[in-house]
Amino acid sequence: MPELVLPACRIAATLALIVWMITAFTARPGRWLRWKMFCRASFTVVSLTGTTADGRTEPVNVYEFLSPGSFILGPPQLQAICDHLTRTGRYRSIDGTGRFLSHRGEQQIEVKAGHVVL
């Protein structure tokens, strides 16, 4: 009997852990990343077009302005990058649309004339 208790406890603990992990990663309606490790993370997926001083348009990759290894881009960081690109004269205007993913769910995000609008 004592030989069976330890394997039975291990199996029960493993099953409980598996169930907890599955329910923790299962999104509730309107929720993203509800596991506590990700509860404060926010992600922005955005497609931007910049207008240069001579009127040409070109795609803008805001992720190349993040520090190496960084992928979390929230609205304040996106606004800072847009401000930097327009202030330095690289672009006259930046426009685009995308999605903002956070613990509150998915929201549409727009960039109009270099200003981030949620």
PDB file of N, CA and C in Angstrom:
ATOM      1  N   MET A   1       0.809  -1.213   0.000  1.00  0.00           N
ATOM      2  CA  MET A   1       0.000   0.000   0.000  1.00  0.00           C
ATOM      3  C   MET A   1       0.849   1.273   0.000  1.00  0.00           C
ATOM      4  N   PRO A   2       1.874   1.446   0.912  1.00  0.00           N
ATOM      5  CA  PRO A   2       2.693   2.658   0.888  1.00  0.00           C
ATOM      6  C   PRO A   2       3.421   2.856  -0.429  1.00  0.00           C
ATOM      7  N   GLU A   3       3.750   1.774  -1.161  1.00  0.00           N
ATOM      8  CA  GLU A   3       4.431   1.915  -2.442  1.00  0.00           C
ATOM      9  C   GLU A   3       3.545   2.577  -3.484  1.00  0.00           C
ATOM     10  N   LEU A   4       2.245   2.463  -3.333  1.00  0.00           N
ATOM     11  CA  LEU A   4       1.313   3.022  -4.305  1.00  0.00           C
ATOM     12  C   LEU A   4       0.935   4.472  -4.004  1.00  0.00           C
ATOM     13  N   VAL A   5       1.159   4.914  -2.791  1.00  0.00           N
ATOM     14  CA  VAL A   5       0.754   6.263  -2.401  1.00  0.00           C
ATOM     15  C   VAL A   5       1.574   7.325  -3.135  1.00  0.00           C
ATOM     16  N   LEU A   6       2.893   7.166  -3.175  1.00  0.00           N
ATOM     17  CA  LEU A   6       3.750   8.159  -3.818  1.00  0.00           C
ATOM     18  C   LEU A   6       3.454   8.298  -5.323  1.00  0.00           C
ATOM     19  N   PRO A   7       3.375   7.194  -6.088  1.00  0.00           N
ATOM     20  CA  PRO A   7       3.019   7.360  -7.512  1.00  0.00           C
ATOM     21  C   PRO A   7       1.624   7.947  -7.714  1.00  0.00           C
ATOM     22  N   ALA A   8       0.680   7.599  -6.853  1.00  0.00           N
ATOM     23  CA  ALA A   8      -0.672   8.140  -6.977  1.00  0.00           C
ATOM     24  C   ALA A   8      -0.674   9.646  -6.692  1.00  0.00           C
ATOM     25  N   CYS A   9       0.112  10.079  -5.711  1.00  0.00           N
ATOM     26  CA  CYS A   9       0.215  11.519  -5.407  1.00  0.00           C
ATOM     27  C   CYS A   9       0.887  12.264  -6.553  1.00  0.00           C
ATOM     28  N   ARG A  10       1.906  11.677  -7.141  1.00  0.00           N
ATOM     29  CA  ARG A  10       2.572  12.303  -8.283  1.00  0.00           C
ATOM     30  C   ARG A  10       1.626  12.446  -9.462  1.00  0.00           C
ATOM     31  N   ILE A  11       0.866  11.421  -9.733  1.00  0.00           N
ATOM     32  CA  ILE A  11      -0.090  11.472 -10.846  1.00  0.00           C
ATOM     33  C   ILE A  11      -1.154  12.527 -10.577  1.00  0.00           C
ATOM     34  N   ALA A  12      -1.669  12.581  -9.351  1.00  0.00           N
ATOM     35  CA  ALA A  12      -2.693  13.573  -9.009  1.00  0.00           C
ATOM     36  C   ALA A  12      -2.140  14.995  -9.104  1.00  0.00           C
ATOM     37  N   ALA A  13      -0.927  15.186  -8.613  1.00  0.00           N
ATOM     38  CA  ALA A  13      -0.316  16.517  -8.690  1.00  0.00           C
ATOM     39  C   ALA A  13      -0.046  16.918 -10.139  1.00  0.00           C
ATOM     40  N   THR A  14       0.400  15.989 -10.953  1.00  0.00           N
ATOM     41  CA  THR A  14       0.649  16.269 -12.366  1.00  0.00           C
ATOM     42  C   THR A  14      -0.641  16.624 -13.086  1.00  0.00           C
ATOM     43  N   LEU A  15      -1.693  15.874 -12.852  1.00  0.00           N
ATOM     44  CA  LEU A  15      -2.993  16.163 -13.480  1.00  0.00           C
ATOM     45  C   LEU A  15      -3.533  17.520 -13.034  1.00  0.00           C
ATOM     46  N   ALA A  16      -3.385  17.827 -11.752  1.00  0.00           N
ATOM     47  CA  ALA A  16      -3.852  19.132 -11.259  1.00  0.00           C
ATOM     48  C   ALA A  16      -3.077  20.262 -11.920  1.00  0.00           C
ATOM     49  N   LEU A  17      -1.774  20.107 -12.074  1.00  0.00           N
ATOM     50  CA  LEU A  17      -0.956  21.115 -12.726  1.00  0.00           C
ATOM     51  C   LEU A  17      -1.344  21.281 -14.189  1.00  0.00           C
ATOM     52  N   ILE A  18      -1.592  20.190 -14.869  1.00  0.00           N
ATOM     53  CA  ILE A  18      -2.000  20.255 -16.282  1.00  0.00           C
ATOM     54  C   ILE A  18      -3.341  20.963 -16.423  1.00  0.00           C
ATOM     55  N   VAL A  19      -4.288  20.644 -15.586  1.00  0.00           N
ATOM     56  CA  VAL A  19      -5.599  21.293 -15.643  1.00  0.00           C
ATOM     57  C   VAL A  19      -5.466  22.783 -15.347  1.00  0.00           C
ATOM     58  N   TRP A  20      -4.654  23.137 -14.345  1.00  0.00           N
ATOM     59  CA  TRP A  20      -4.457  24.551 -14.012  1.00  0.00           C
ATOM     60  C   TRP A  20      -3.837  25.302 -15.178  1.00  0.00           C
ATOM     61  N   MET A  21      -2.835  24.708 -15.823  1.00  0.00           N
ATOM     62  CA  MET A  21      -2.180  25.375 -16.946  1.00  0.00           C
ATOM     63  C   MET A  21      -3.124  25.537 -18.131  1.00  0.00           C
ATOM     64  N   ILE A  22      -3.936  24.536 -18.405  1.00  0.00           N
ATOM     65  CA  ILE A  22      -4.878  24.638 -19.525  1.00  0.00           C
ATOM     66  C   ILE A  22      -5.903  25.731 -19.257  1.00  0.00           C
ATOM     67  N   THR A  23      -6.445  25.784 -18.056  1.00  0.00           N
ATOM     68  CA  THR A  23      -7.447  26.811 -17.761  1.00  0.00           C
ATOM     69  C   THR A  23      -6.822  28.192 -17.650  1.00  0.00           C
ATOM     70  N   ALA A  24      -5.564  28.269 -17.230  1.00  0.00           N
ATOM     71  CA  ALA A  24      -4.911  29.573 -17.115  1.00  0.00           C
ATOM     72  C   ALA A  24      -4.625  30.176 -18.484  1.00  0.00           C
ATOM     73  N   PHE A  25      -4.333  29.346 -19.475  1.00  0.00           N
ATOM     74  CA  PHE A  25      -4.032  29.856 -20.809  1.00  0.00           C
ATOM     75  C   PHE A  25      -5.272  29.931 -21.697  1.00  0.00           C
ATOM     76  N   THR A  26      -6.389  29.440 -21.230  1.00  0.00           N
ATOM     77  CA  THR A  26      -7.612  29.529 -22.012  1.00  0.00           C
ATOM     78  C   THR A  26      -8.199  30.922 -21.832  1.00  0.00           C
ATOM     79  N   ALA A  27      -8.388  31.600 -22.913  1.00  0.00           N
ATOM     80  CA  ALA A  27      -8.863  32.980 -22.841  1.00  0.00           C
ATOM     81  C   ALA A  27     -10.358  33.022 -22.552  1.00  0.00           C
ATOM     82  N   ARG A  28     -10.722  33.888 -21.653  1.00  0.00           N
ATOM     83  CA  ARG A  28     -12.139  34.173 -21.440  1.00  0.00           C
ATOM     84  C   ARG A  28     -12.589  35.063 -22.585  1.00  0.00           C
ATOM     85  N   PRO A  29     -13.888  35.135 -22.842  1.00  0.00           N
ATOM     86  CA  PRO A  29     -14.339  36.037 -23.913  1.00  0.00           C
ATOM     87  C   PRO A  29     -13.877  37.464 -23.651  1.00  0.00           C
ATOM     88  N   GLY A  30     -13.203  38.063 -24.649  1.00  0.00           N
ATOM     89  CA  GLY A  30     -12.727  39.428 -24.524  1.00  0.00           C
ATOM     90  C   GLY A  30     -11.433  39.575 -23.766  1.00  0.00           C
ATOM     91  N   ARG A  31     -10.774  38.478 -23.429  1.00  0.00           N
ATOM     92  CA  ARG A  31      -9.531  38.539 -22.651  1.00  0.00           C
ATOM     93  C   ARG A  31      -8.385  37.908 -23.429  1.00  0.00           C
ATOM     94  N   TRP A  32      -7.210  38.491 -23.271  1.00  0.00           N
ATOM     95  CA  TRP A  32      -5.973  37.959 -23.853  1.00  0.00           C
ATOM     96  C   TRP A  32      -4.988  37.750 -22.728  1.00  0.00           C
ATOM     97  N   LEU A  33      -4.229  36.718 -22.792  1.00  0.00           N
ATOM     98  CA  LEU A  33      -3.088  36.508 -21.898  1.00  0.00           C
ATOM     99  C   LEU A  33      -3.449  36.714 -20.431  1.00  0.00           C
ATOM    100  N   ARG A  34      -4.373  35.946 -19.912  1.00  0.00           N
ATOM    101  CA  ARG A  34      -4.800  36.183 -18.547  1.00  0.00           C
ATOM    102  C   ARG A  34      -3.911  35.506 -17.513  1.00  0.00           C
ATOM    103  N   TRP A  35      -2.902  34.734 -17.935  1.00  0.00           N
ATOM    104  CA  TRP A  35      -1.996  34.131 -16.981  1.00  0.00           C
ATOM    105  C   TRP A  35      -1.219  35.251 -16.309  1.00  0.00           C
ATOM    106  N   LYS A  36      -0.993  35.159 -15.009  1.00  0.00           N
ATOM    107  CA  LYS A  36      -0.413  36.262 -14.243  1.00  0.00           C
ATOM    108  C   LYS A  36       0.933  36.726 -14.786  1.00  0.00           C
ATOM    109  N   MET A  37       1.672  35.843 -15.414  1.00  0.00           N
ATOM    110  CA  MET A  37       2.967  36.241 -15.955  1.00  0.00           C
ATOM    111  C   MET A  37       2.808  37.298 -17.046  1.00  0.00           C
ATOM    112  N   PHE A  38       1.704  37.260 -17.773  1.00  0.00           N
ATOM    113  CA  PHE A  38       1.487  38.171 -18.879  1.00  0.00           C
ATOM    114  C   PHE A  38       0.464  39.257 -18.578  1.00  0.00           C
ATOM    115  N   CYS A  39      -0.049  39.349 -17.364  1.00  0.00           N
ATOM    116  CA  CYS A  39      -1.189  40.216 -17.098  1.00  0.00           C
ATOM    117  C   CYS A  39      -0.903  41.696 -17.336  1.00  0.00           C
ATOM    118  N   ARG A  40       0.346  42.124 -17.297  1.00  0.00           N
ATOM    119  CA  ARG A  40       0.654  43.535 -17.526  1.00  0.00           C
ATOM    120  C   ARG A  40       1.288  43.781 -18.880  1.00  0.00           C
ATOM    121  N   ALA A  41       1.446  42.745 -19.659  1.00  0.00           N
ATOM    122  CA  ALA A  41       2.057  42.904 -20.979  1.00  0.00           C
ATOM    123  C   ALA A  41       1.031  43.467 -21.957  1.00  0.00           C
ATOM    124  N   SER A  42       1.499  44.267 -22.875  1.00  0.00           N
ATOM    125  CA  SER A  42       0.639  44.776 -23.940  1.00  0.00           C
ATOM    126  C   SER A  42       1.418  44.713 -25.242  1.00  0.00           C
ATOM    127  N   PHE A  43       0.718  44.408 -26.291  1.00  0.00           N
ATOM    128  CA  PHE A  43       1.349  44.235 -27.586  1.00  0.00           C
ATOM    129  C   PHE A  43       0.615  45.074 -28.618  1.00  0.00           C
ATOM    130  N   THR A  44       1.348  45.690 -29.490  1.00  0.00           N
ATOM    131  CA  THR A  44       0.760  46.473 -30.562  1.00  0.00           C
ATOM    132  C   THR A  44       1.199  45.872 -31.887  1.00  0.00           C
ATOM    133  N   VAL A  45       0.232  45.553 -32.714  1.00  0.00           N
ATOM    134  CA  VAL A  45       0.505  45.075 -34.066  1.00  0.00           C
ATOM    135  C   VAL A  45      -0.039  46.150 -34.990  1.00  0.00           C
ATOM    136  N   VAL A  46       0.854  46.851 -35.668  1.00  0.00           N
ATOM    137  CA  VAL A  46       0.436  48.029 -36.414  1.00  0.00           C
ATOM    138  C   VAL A  46       1.148  48.084 -37.761  1.00  0.00           C
ATOM    139  N   SER A  47       0.446  48.605 -38.739  1.00  0.00           N
ATOM    140  CA  SER A  47       0.996  48.814 -40.073  1.00  0.00           C
ATOM    141  C   SER A  47       0.972  50.320 -40.340  1.00  0.00           C
ATOM    142  N   LEU A  48       2.164  50.909 -40.511  1.00  0.00           N
ATOM    143  CA  LEU A  48       2.267  52.360 -40.649  1.00  0.00           C
ATOM    144  C   LEU A  48       2.851  52.751 -42.002  1.00  0.00           C
ATOM    145  N   THR A  49       2.439  53.915 -42.465  1.00  0.00           N
ATOM    146  CA  THR A  49       2.963  54.508 -43.690  1.00  0.00           C
ATOM    147  C   THR A  49       3.435  55.913 -43.355  1.00  0.00           C
ATOM    148  N   GLY A  50       4.664  56.208 -43.737  1.00  0.00           N
ATOM    149  CA  GLY A  50       5.224  57.532 -43.490  1.00  0.00           C
ATOM    150  C   GLY A  50       5.278  58.346 -44.767  1.00  0.00           C
ATOM    151  N   THR A  51       4.961  59.632 -44.651  1.00  0.00           N
ATOM    152  CA  THR A  51       5.047  60.559 -45.776  1.00  0.00           C
ATOM    153  C   THR A  51       6.293  61.410 -45.586  1.00  0.00           C
ATOM    154  N   THR A  52       7.198  61.362 -46.553  1.00  0.00           N
ATOM    155  CA  THR A  52       8.450  62.116 -46.458  1.00  0.00           C
ATOM    156  C   THR A  52       8.214  63.577 -46.824  1.00  0.00           C
ATOM    157  N   ALA A  53       9.240  64.392 -46.662  1.00  0.00           N
ATOM    158  CA  ALA A  53       9.137  65.834 -46.939  1.00  0.00           C
ATOM    159  C   ALA A  53       8.826  66.108 -48.407  1.00  0.00           C
ATOM    160  N   ASP A  54       9.277  65.230 -49.304  1.00  0.00           N
ATOM    161  CA  ASP A  54       9.002  65.448 -50.734  1.00  0.00           C
ATOM    162  C   ASP A  54       7.702  64.792 -51.195  1.00  0.00           C
ATOM    163  N   GLY A  55       6.894  64.267 -50.264  1.00  0.00           N
ATOM    164  CA  GLY A  55       5.577  63.729 -50.597  1.00  0.00           C
ATOM    165  C   GLY A  55       5.529  62.242 -50.899  1.00  0.00           C
ATOM    166  N   ARG A  56       6.667  61.557 -50.885  1.00  0.00           N
ATOM    167  CA  ARG A  56       6.661  60.113 -51.108  1.00  0.00           C
ATOM    168  C   ARG A  56       6.144  59.407 -49.864  1.00  0.00           C
ATOM    169  N   THR A  57       5.529  58.241 -50.075  1.00  0.00           N
ATOM    170  CA  THR A  57       5.082  57.417 -48.946  1.00  0.00           C
ATOM    171  C   THR A  57       5.884  56.124 -48.942  1.00  0.00           C
ATOM    172  N   GLU A  58       6.151  55.653 -47.743  1.00  0.00           N
ATOM    173  CA  GLU A  58       6.882  54.401 -47.588  1.00  0.00           C
ATOM    174  C   GLU A  58       6.455  53.740 -46.278  1.00  0.00           C
ATOM    175  N   PRO A  59       6.547  52.405 -46.219  1.00  0.00           N
ATOM    176  CA  PRO A  59       6.179  51.719 -44.970  1.00  0.00           C
ATOM    177  C   PRO A  59       7.169  52.047 -43.855  1.00  0.00           C
ATOM    178  N   VAL A  60       6.647  52.117 -42.640  1.00  0.00           N
ATOM    179  CA  VAL A  60       7.462  52.414 -41.466  1.00  0.00           C
ATOM    180  C   VAL A  60       7.470  51.181 -40.567  1.00  0.00           C
ATOM    181  N   ASN A  61       8.651  50.697 -40.239  1.00  0.00           N
ATOM    182  CA  ASN A  61       8.795  49.562 -39.328  1.00  0.00           C
ATOM    183  C   ASN A  61       9.212  50.095 -37.961  1.00  0.00           C
ATOM    184  N   VAL A  62       8.238  50.249 -37.061  1.00  0.00           N
ATOM    185  CA  VAL A  62       8.543  50.809 -35.740  1.00  0.00           C
ATOM    186  C   VAL A  62       9.346  49.842 -34.884  1.00  0.00           C
ATOM    187  N   TYR A  63       9.298  48.554 -35.209  1.00  0.00           N
ATOM    188  CA  TYR A  63       9.995  47.561 -34.395  1.00  0.00           C
ATOM    189  C   TYR A  63      11.511  47.665 -34.538  1.00  0.00           C
ATOM    190  N   GLU A  64      12.008  48.272 -35.599  1.00  0.00           N
ATOM    191  CA  GLU A  64      13.454  48.438 -35.732  1.00  0.00           C
ATOM    192  C   GLU A  64      13.992  49.525 -34.802  1.00  0.00           C
ATOM    193  N   PHE A  65      13.108  50.292 -34.186  1.00  0.00           N
ATOM    194  CA  PHE A  65      13.524  51.332 -33.253  1.00  0.00           C
ATOM    195  C   PHE A  65      13.468  50.871 -31.798  1.00  0.00           C
ATOM    196  N   LEU A  66      13.026  49.640 -31.562  1.00  0.00           N
ATOM    197  CA  LEU A  66      13.018  49.087 -30.205  1.00  0.00           C
ATOM    198  C   LEU A  66      14.396  48.533 -29.880  1.00  0.00           C
ATOM    199  N   SER A  67      14.695  48.408 -28.610  1.00  0.00           N
ATOM    200  CA  SER A  67      15.989  47.842 -28.217  1.00  0.00           C
ATOM    201  C   SER A  67      16.039  46.366 -28.613  1.00  0.00           C
ATOM    202  N   PRO A  68      17.217  45.828 -28.880  1.00  0.00           N
ATOM    203  CA  PRO A  68      17.340  44.428 -29.303  1.00  0.00           C
ATOM    204  C   PRO A  68      16.707  43.476 -28.303  1.00  0.00           C
ATOM    205  N   GLY A  69      15.938  42.541 -28.800  1.00  0.00           N
ATOM    206  CA  GLY A  69      15.262  41.561 -27.964  1.00  0.00           C
ATOM    207  C   GLY A  69      13.927  42.020 -27.424  1.00  0.00           C
ATOM    208  N   SER A  70      13.596  43.270 -27.610  1.00  0.00           N
ATOM    209  CA  SER A  70      12.329  43.800 -27.112  1.00  0.00           C
ATOM    210  C   SER A  70      11.250  43.640 -28.171  1.00  0.00           C
ATOM    211  N   PHE A  71      10.078  43.214 -27.751  1.00  0.00           N
ATOM    212  CA  PHE A  71       8.977  43.076 -28.683  1.00  0.00           C
ATOM    213  C   PHE A  71       7.688  43.670 -28.139  1.00  0.00           C
ATOM    214  N   ILE A  72       7.703  44.128 -26.902  1.00  0.00           N
ATOM    215  CA  ILE A  72       6.499  44.691 -26.305  1.00  0.00           C
ATOM    216  C   ILE A  72       6.448  46.172 -26.659  1.00  0.00           C
ATOM    217  N   LEU A  73       5.427  46.520 -27.399  1.00  0.00           N
ATOM    218  CA  LEU A  73       5.267  47.898 -27.860  1.00  0.00           C
ATOM    219  C   LEU A  73       3.870  48.366 -27.471  1.00  0.00           C
ATOM    220  N   GLY A  74       3.798  49.245 -26.500  1.00  0.00           N
ATOM    221  CA  GLY A  74       2.525  49.804 -26.081  1.00  0.00           C
ATOM    222  C   GLY A  74       2.290  51.154 -26.741  1.00  0.00           C
ATOM    223  N   PRO A  75       1.102  51.727 -26.565  1.00  0.00           N
ATOM    224  CA  PRO A  75       0.823  53.039 -27.153  1.00  0.00           C
ATOM    225  C   PRO A  75       1.799  54.140 -26.759  1.00  0.00           C
ATOM    226  N   PRO A  76       2.267  54.224 -25.493  1.00  0.00           N
ATOM    227  CA  PRO A  76       3.239  55.291 -25.185  1.00  0.00           C
ATOM    228  C   PRO A  76       4.547  55.146 -25.963  1.00  0.00           C
ATOM    229  N   GLN A  77       5.026  53.906 -26.108  1.00  0.00           N
ATOM    230  CA  GLN A  77       6.262  53.684 -26.863  1.00  0.00           C
ATOM    231  C   GLN A  77       6.045  53.968 -28.342  1.00  0.00           C
ATOM    232  N   LEU A  78       4.884  53.582 -28.871  1.00  0.00           N
ATOM    233  CA  LEU A  78       4.565  53.862 -30.267  1.00  0.00           C
ATOM    234  C   LEU A  78       4.503  55.366 -30.503  1.00  0.00           C
ATOM    235  N   GLN A  79       3.910  56.094 -29.572  1.00  0.00           N
ATOM    236  CA  GLN A  79       3.835  57.556 -29.697  1.00  0.00           C
ATOM    237  C   GLN A  79       5.234  58.171 -29.654  1.00  0.00           C
ATOM    238  N   ALA A  80       6.086  57.662 -28.777  1.00  0.00           N
ATOM    239  CA  ALA A  80       7.449  58.185 -28.675  1.00  0.00           C
ATOM    240  C   ALA A  80       8.227  57.958 -29.973  1.00  0.00           C
ATOM    241  N   ILE A  81       8.055  56.803 -30.586  1.00  0.00           N
ATOM    242  CA  ILE A  81       8.744  56.517 -31.845  1.00  0.00           C
ATOM    243  C   ILE A  81       8.208  57.414 -32.958  1.00  0.00           C
ATOM    244  N   CYS A  82       6.890  57.592 -33.028  1.00  0.00           N
ATOM    245  CA  CYS A  82       6.303  58.492 -34.041  1.00  0.00           C
ATOM    246  C   CYS A  82       6.790  59.920 -33.847  1.00  0.00           C
ATOM    247  N   ASP A  83       6.842  60.371 -32.581  1.00  0.00           N
ATOM    248  CA  ASP A  83       7.349  61.724 -32.294  1.00  0.00           C
ATOM    249  C   ASP A  83       8.795  61.869 -32.744  1.00  0.00           C
ATOM    250  N   HIS A  84       9.601  60.862 -32.454  1.00  0.00           N
ATOM    251  CA  HIS A  84      11.017  60.906 -32.846  1.00  0.00           C
ATOM    252  C   HIS A  84      11.172  60.977 -34.365  1.00  0.00           C
ATOM    253  N   LEU A  85      10.394  60.169 -35.083  1.00  0.00           N
ATOM    254  CA  LEU A  85      10.523  60.132 -36.544  1.00  0.00           C
ATOM    255  C   LEU A  85      10.056  61.431 -37.201  1.00  0.00           C
ATOM    256  N   THR A  86       9.046  62.086 -36.637  1.00  0.00           N
ATOM    257  CA  THR A  86       8.591  63.352 -37.216  1.00  0.00           C
ATOM    258  C   THR A  86       9.469  64.521 -36.755  1.00  0.00           C
ATOM    259  N   ARG A  87       9.940  64.484 -35.512  1.00  0.00           N
ATOM    260  CA  ARG A  87      10.782  65.561 -34.988  1.00  0.00           C
ATOM    261  C   ARG A  87      12.137  65.619 -35.699  1.00  0.00           C
ATOM    262  N   THR A  88      12.675  64.450 -36.033  1.00  0.00           N
ATOM    263  CA  THR A  88      13.979  64.427 -36.707  1.00  0.00           C
ATOM    264  C   THR A  88      13.873  64.737 -38.192  1.00  0.00           C
ATOM    265  N   GLY A  89      12.658  64.857 -38.710  1.00  0.00           N
ATOM    266  CA  GLY A  89      12.473  65.200 -40.107  1.00  0.00           C
ATOM    267  C   GLY A  89      12.490  64.014 -41.061  1.00  0.00           C
ATOM    268  N   ARG A  90      12.555  62.821 -40.521  1.00  0.00           N
ATOM    269  CA  ARG A  90      12.546  61.645 -41.398  1.00  0.00           C
ATOM    270  C   ARG A  90      11.212  61.521 -42.124  1.00  0.00           C
ATOM    271  N   TYR A  91      10.127  61.828 -41.409  1.00  0.00           N
ATOM    272  CA  TYR A  91       8.786  61.805 -42.017  1.00  0.00           C
ATOM    273  C   TYR A  91       8.047  63.079 -41.647  1.00  0.00           C
ATOM    274  N   ARG A  92       7.245  63.564 -42.572  1.00  0.00           N
ATOM    275  CA  ARG A  92       6.396  64.720 -42.312  1.00  0.00           C
ATOM    276  C   ARG A  92       5.162  64.282 -41.541  1.00  0.00           C
ATOM    277  N   SER A  93       4.656  63.090 -41.898  1.00  0.00           N
ATOM    278  CA  SER A  93       3.452  62.570 -41.263  1.00  0.00           C
ATOM    279  C   SER A  93       3.521  61.048 -41.249  1.00  0.00           C
ATOM    280  N   ILE A  94       2.932  60.434 -40.223  1.00  0.00           N
ATOM    281  CA  ILE A  94       2.862  58.976 -40.119  1.00  0.00           C
ATOM    282  C   ILE A  94       1.405  58.611 -39.864  1.00  0.00           C
ATOM    283  N   ASP A  95       0.896  57.674 -40.664  1.00  0.00           N
ATOM    284  CA  ASP A  95      -0.492  57.220 -40.536  1.00  0.00           C
ATOM    285  C   ASP A  95      -0.525  55.697 -40.576  1.00  0.00           C
ATOM    286  N   GLY A  96      -1.562  55.113 -39.969  1.00  0.00           N
ATOM    287  CA  GLY A  96      -1.719  53.671 -40.031  1.00  0.00           C
ATOM    288  C   GLY A  96      -2.775  53.163 -39.076  1.00  0.00           C
ATOM    289  N   THR A  97      -2.994  51.869 -39.131  1.00  0.00           N
ATOM    290  CA  THR A  97      -3.974  51.207 -38.269  1.00  0.00           C
ATOM    291  C   THR A  97      -3.376  49.915 -37.734  1.00  0.00           C
ATOM    292  N   GLY A  98      -3.997  49.398 -36.700  1.00  0.00           N
ATOM    293  CA  GLY A  98      -3.540  48.140 -36.132  1.00  0.00           C
ATOM    294  C   GLY A  98      -4.408  47.721 -34.967  1.00  0.00           C
ATOM    295  N   ARG A  99      -3.848  46.807 -34.157  1.00  0.00           N
ATOM    296  CA  ARG A  99      -4.552  46.286 -32.991  1.00  0.00           C
ATOM    297  C   ARG A  99      -3.670  46.416 -31.768  1.00  0.00           C
ATOM    298  N   PHE A 100      -4.301  46.667 -30.645  1.00  0.00           N
ATOM    299  CA  PHE A 100      -3.623  46.750 -29.361  1.00  0.00           C
ATOM    300  C   PHE A 100      -4.158  45.620 -28.499  1.00  0.00           C
ATOM    301  N   LEU A 101      -3.275  44.716 -28.082  1.00  0.00           N
ATOM    302  CA  LEU A 101      -3.664  43.550 -27.286  1.00  0.00           C
ATOM    303  C   LEU A 101      -3.155  43.733 -25.867  1.00  0.00           C
ATOM    304  N   SER A 102      -4.067  43.600 -24.906  1.00  0.00           N
ATOM    305  CA  SER A 102      -3.679  43.727 -23.506  1.00  0.00           C
ATOM    306  C   SER A 102      -4.589  42.836 -22.670  1.00  0.00           C
ATOM    307  N   HIS A 103      -4.454  42.929 -21.357  1.00  0.00           N
ATOM    308  CA  HIS A 103      -5.299  42.133 -20.472  1.00  0.00           C
ATOM    309  C   HIS A 103      -6.771  42.551 -20.573  1.00  0.00           C
ATOM    310  N   ARG A 104      -7.040  43.706 -21.145  1.00  0.00           N
ATOM    311  CA  ARG A 104      -8.423  44.162 -21.320  1.00  0.00           C
ATOM    312  C   ARG A 104      -9.030  43.687 -22.629  1.00  0.00           C
ATOM    313  N   GLY A 105      -8.274  42.962 -23.430  1.00  0.00           N
ATOM    314  CA  GLY A 105      -8.775  42.450 -24.692  1.00  0.00           C
ATOM    315  C   GLY A 105      -8.113  43.129 -25.877  1.00  0.00           C
ATOM    316  N   GLU A 106      -8.766  43.039 -27.007  1.00  0.00           N
ATOM    317  CA  GLU A 106      -8.234  43.589 -28.248  1.00  0.00           C
ATOM    318  C   GLU A 106      -8.952  44.887 -28.584  1.00  0.00           C
ATOM    319  N   GLN A 107      -8.176  45.912 -28.914  1.00  0.00           N
ATOM    320  CA  GLN A 107      -8.746  47.204 -29.288  1.00  0.00           C
ATOM    321  C   GLN A 107      -8.120  47.645 -30.604  1.00  0.00           C
ATOM    322  N   GLN A 108      -8.874  48.397 -31.368  1.00  0.00           N
ATOM    323  CA  GLN A 108      -8.334  48.985 -32.590  1.00  0.00           C
ATOM    324  C   GLN A 108      -7.479  50.184 -32.215  1.00  0.00           C
ATOM    325  N   ILE A 109      -6.392  50.366 -32.934  1.00  0.00           N
ATOM    326  CA  ILE A 109      -5.509  51.502 -32.697  1.00  0.00           C
ATOM    327  C   ILE A 109      -5.249  52.176 -34.042  1.00  0.00           C
ATOM    328  N   GLU A 110      -5.232  53.492 -34.037  1.00  0.00           N
ATOM    329  CA  GLU A 110      -4.968  54.251 -35.258  1.00  0.00           C
ATOM    330  C   GLU A 110      -3.860  55.258 -34.994  1.00  0.00           C
ATOM    331  N   VAL A 111      -3.086  55.513 -36.017  1.00  0.00           N
ATOM    332  CA  VAL A 111      -2.108  56.592 -35.967  1.00  0.00           C
ATOM    333  C   VAL A 111      -2.498  57.567 -37.060  1.00  0.00           C
ATOM    334  N   LYS A 112      -2.870  58.773 -36.642  1.00  0.00           N
ATOM    335  CA  LYS A 112      -3.303  59.828 -37.579  1.00  0.00           C
ATOM    336  C   LYS A 112      -2.371  61.011 -37.435  1.00  0.00           C
ATOM    337  N   ALA A 113      -1.678  61.342 -38.496  1.00  0.00           N
ATOM    338  CA  ALA A 113      -0.743  62.471 -38.513  1.00  0.00           C
ATOM    339  C   ALA A 113       0.250  62.409 -37.362  1.00  0.00           C
ATOM    340  N   GLY A 114       0.705  61.189 -37.050  1.00  0.00           N
ATOM    341  CA  GLY A 114       1.706  60.998 -36.014  1.00  0.00           C
ATOM    342  C   GLY A 114       1.164  60.898 -34.596  1.00  0.00           C
ATOM    343  N   HIS A 115      -0.148  60.937 -34.415  1.00  0.00           N
ATOM    344  CA  HIS A 115      -0.756  60.843 -33.083  1.00  0.00           C
ATOM    345  C   HIS A 115      -1.456  59.512 -32.934  1.00  0.00           C
ATOM    346  N   VAL A 116      -1.136  58.791 -31.846  1.00  0.00           N
ATOM    347  CA  VAL A 116      -1.716  57.480 -31.572  1.00  0.00           C
ATOM    348  C   VAL A 116      -3.084  57.674 -30.931  1.00  0.00           C
ATOM    349  N   VAL A 117      -4.093  57.006 -31.521  1.00  0.00           N
ATOM    350  CA  VAL A 117      -5.468  57.108 -31.021  1.00  0.00           C
ATOM    351  C   VAL A 117      -5.981  55.701 -30.760  1.00  0.00           C
ATOM    352  N   LEU A 118      -6.411  55.456 -29.527  1.00  0.00           N
ATOM    353  CA  LEU A 118      -7.007  54.147 -29.175  1.00  0.00           C
ATOM    354  C   LEU A 118      -8.491  54.179 -29.387  1.00  0.00           C
TER     355      LEU A 118
END
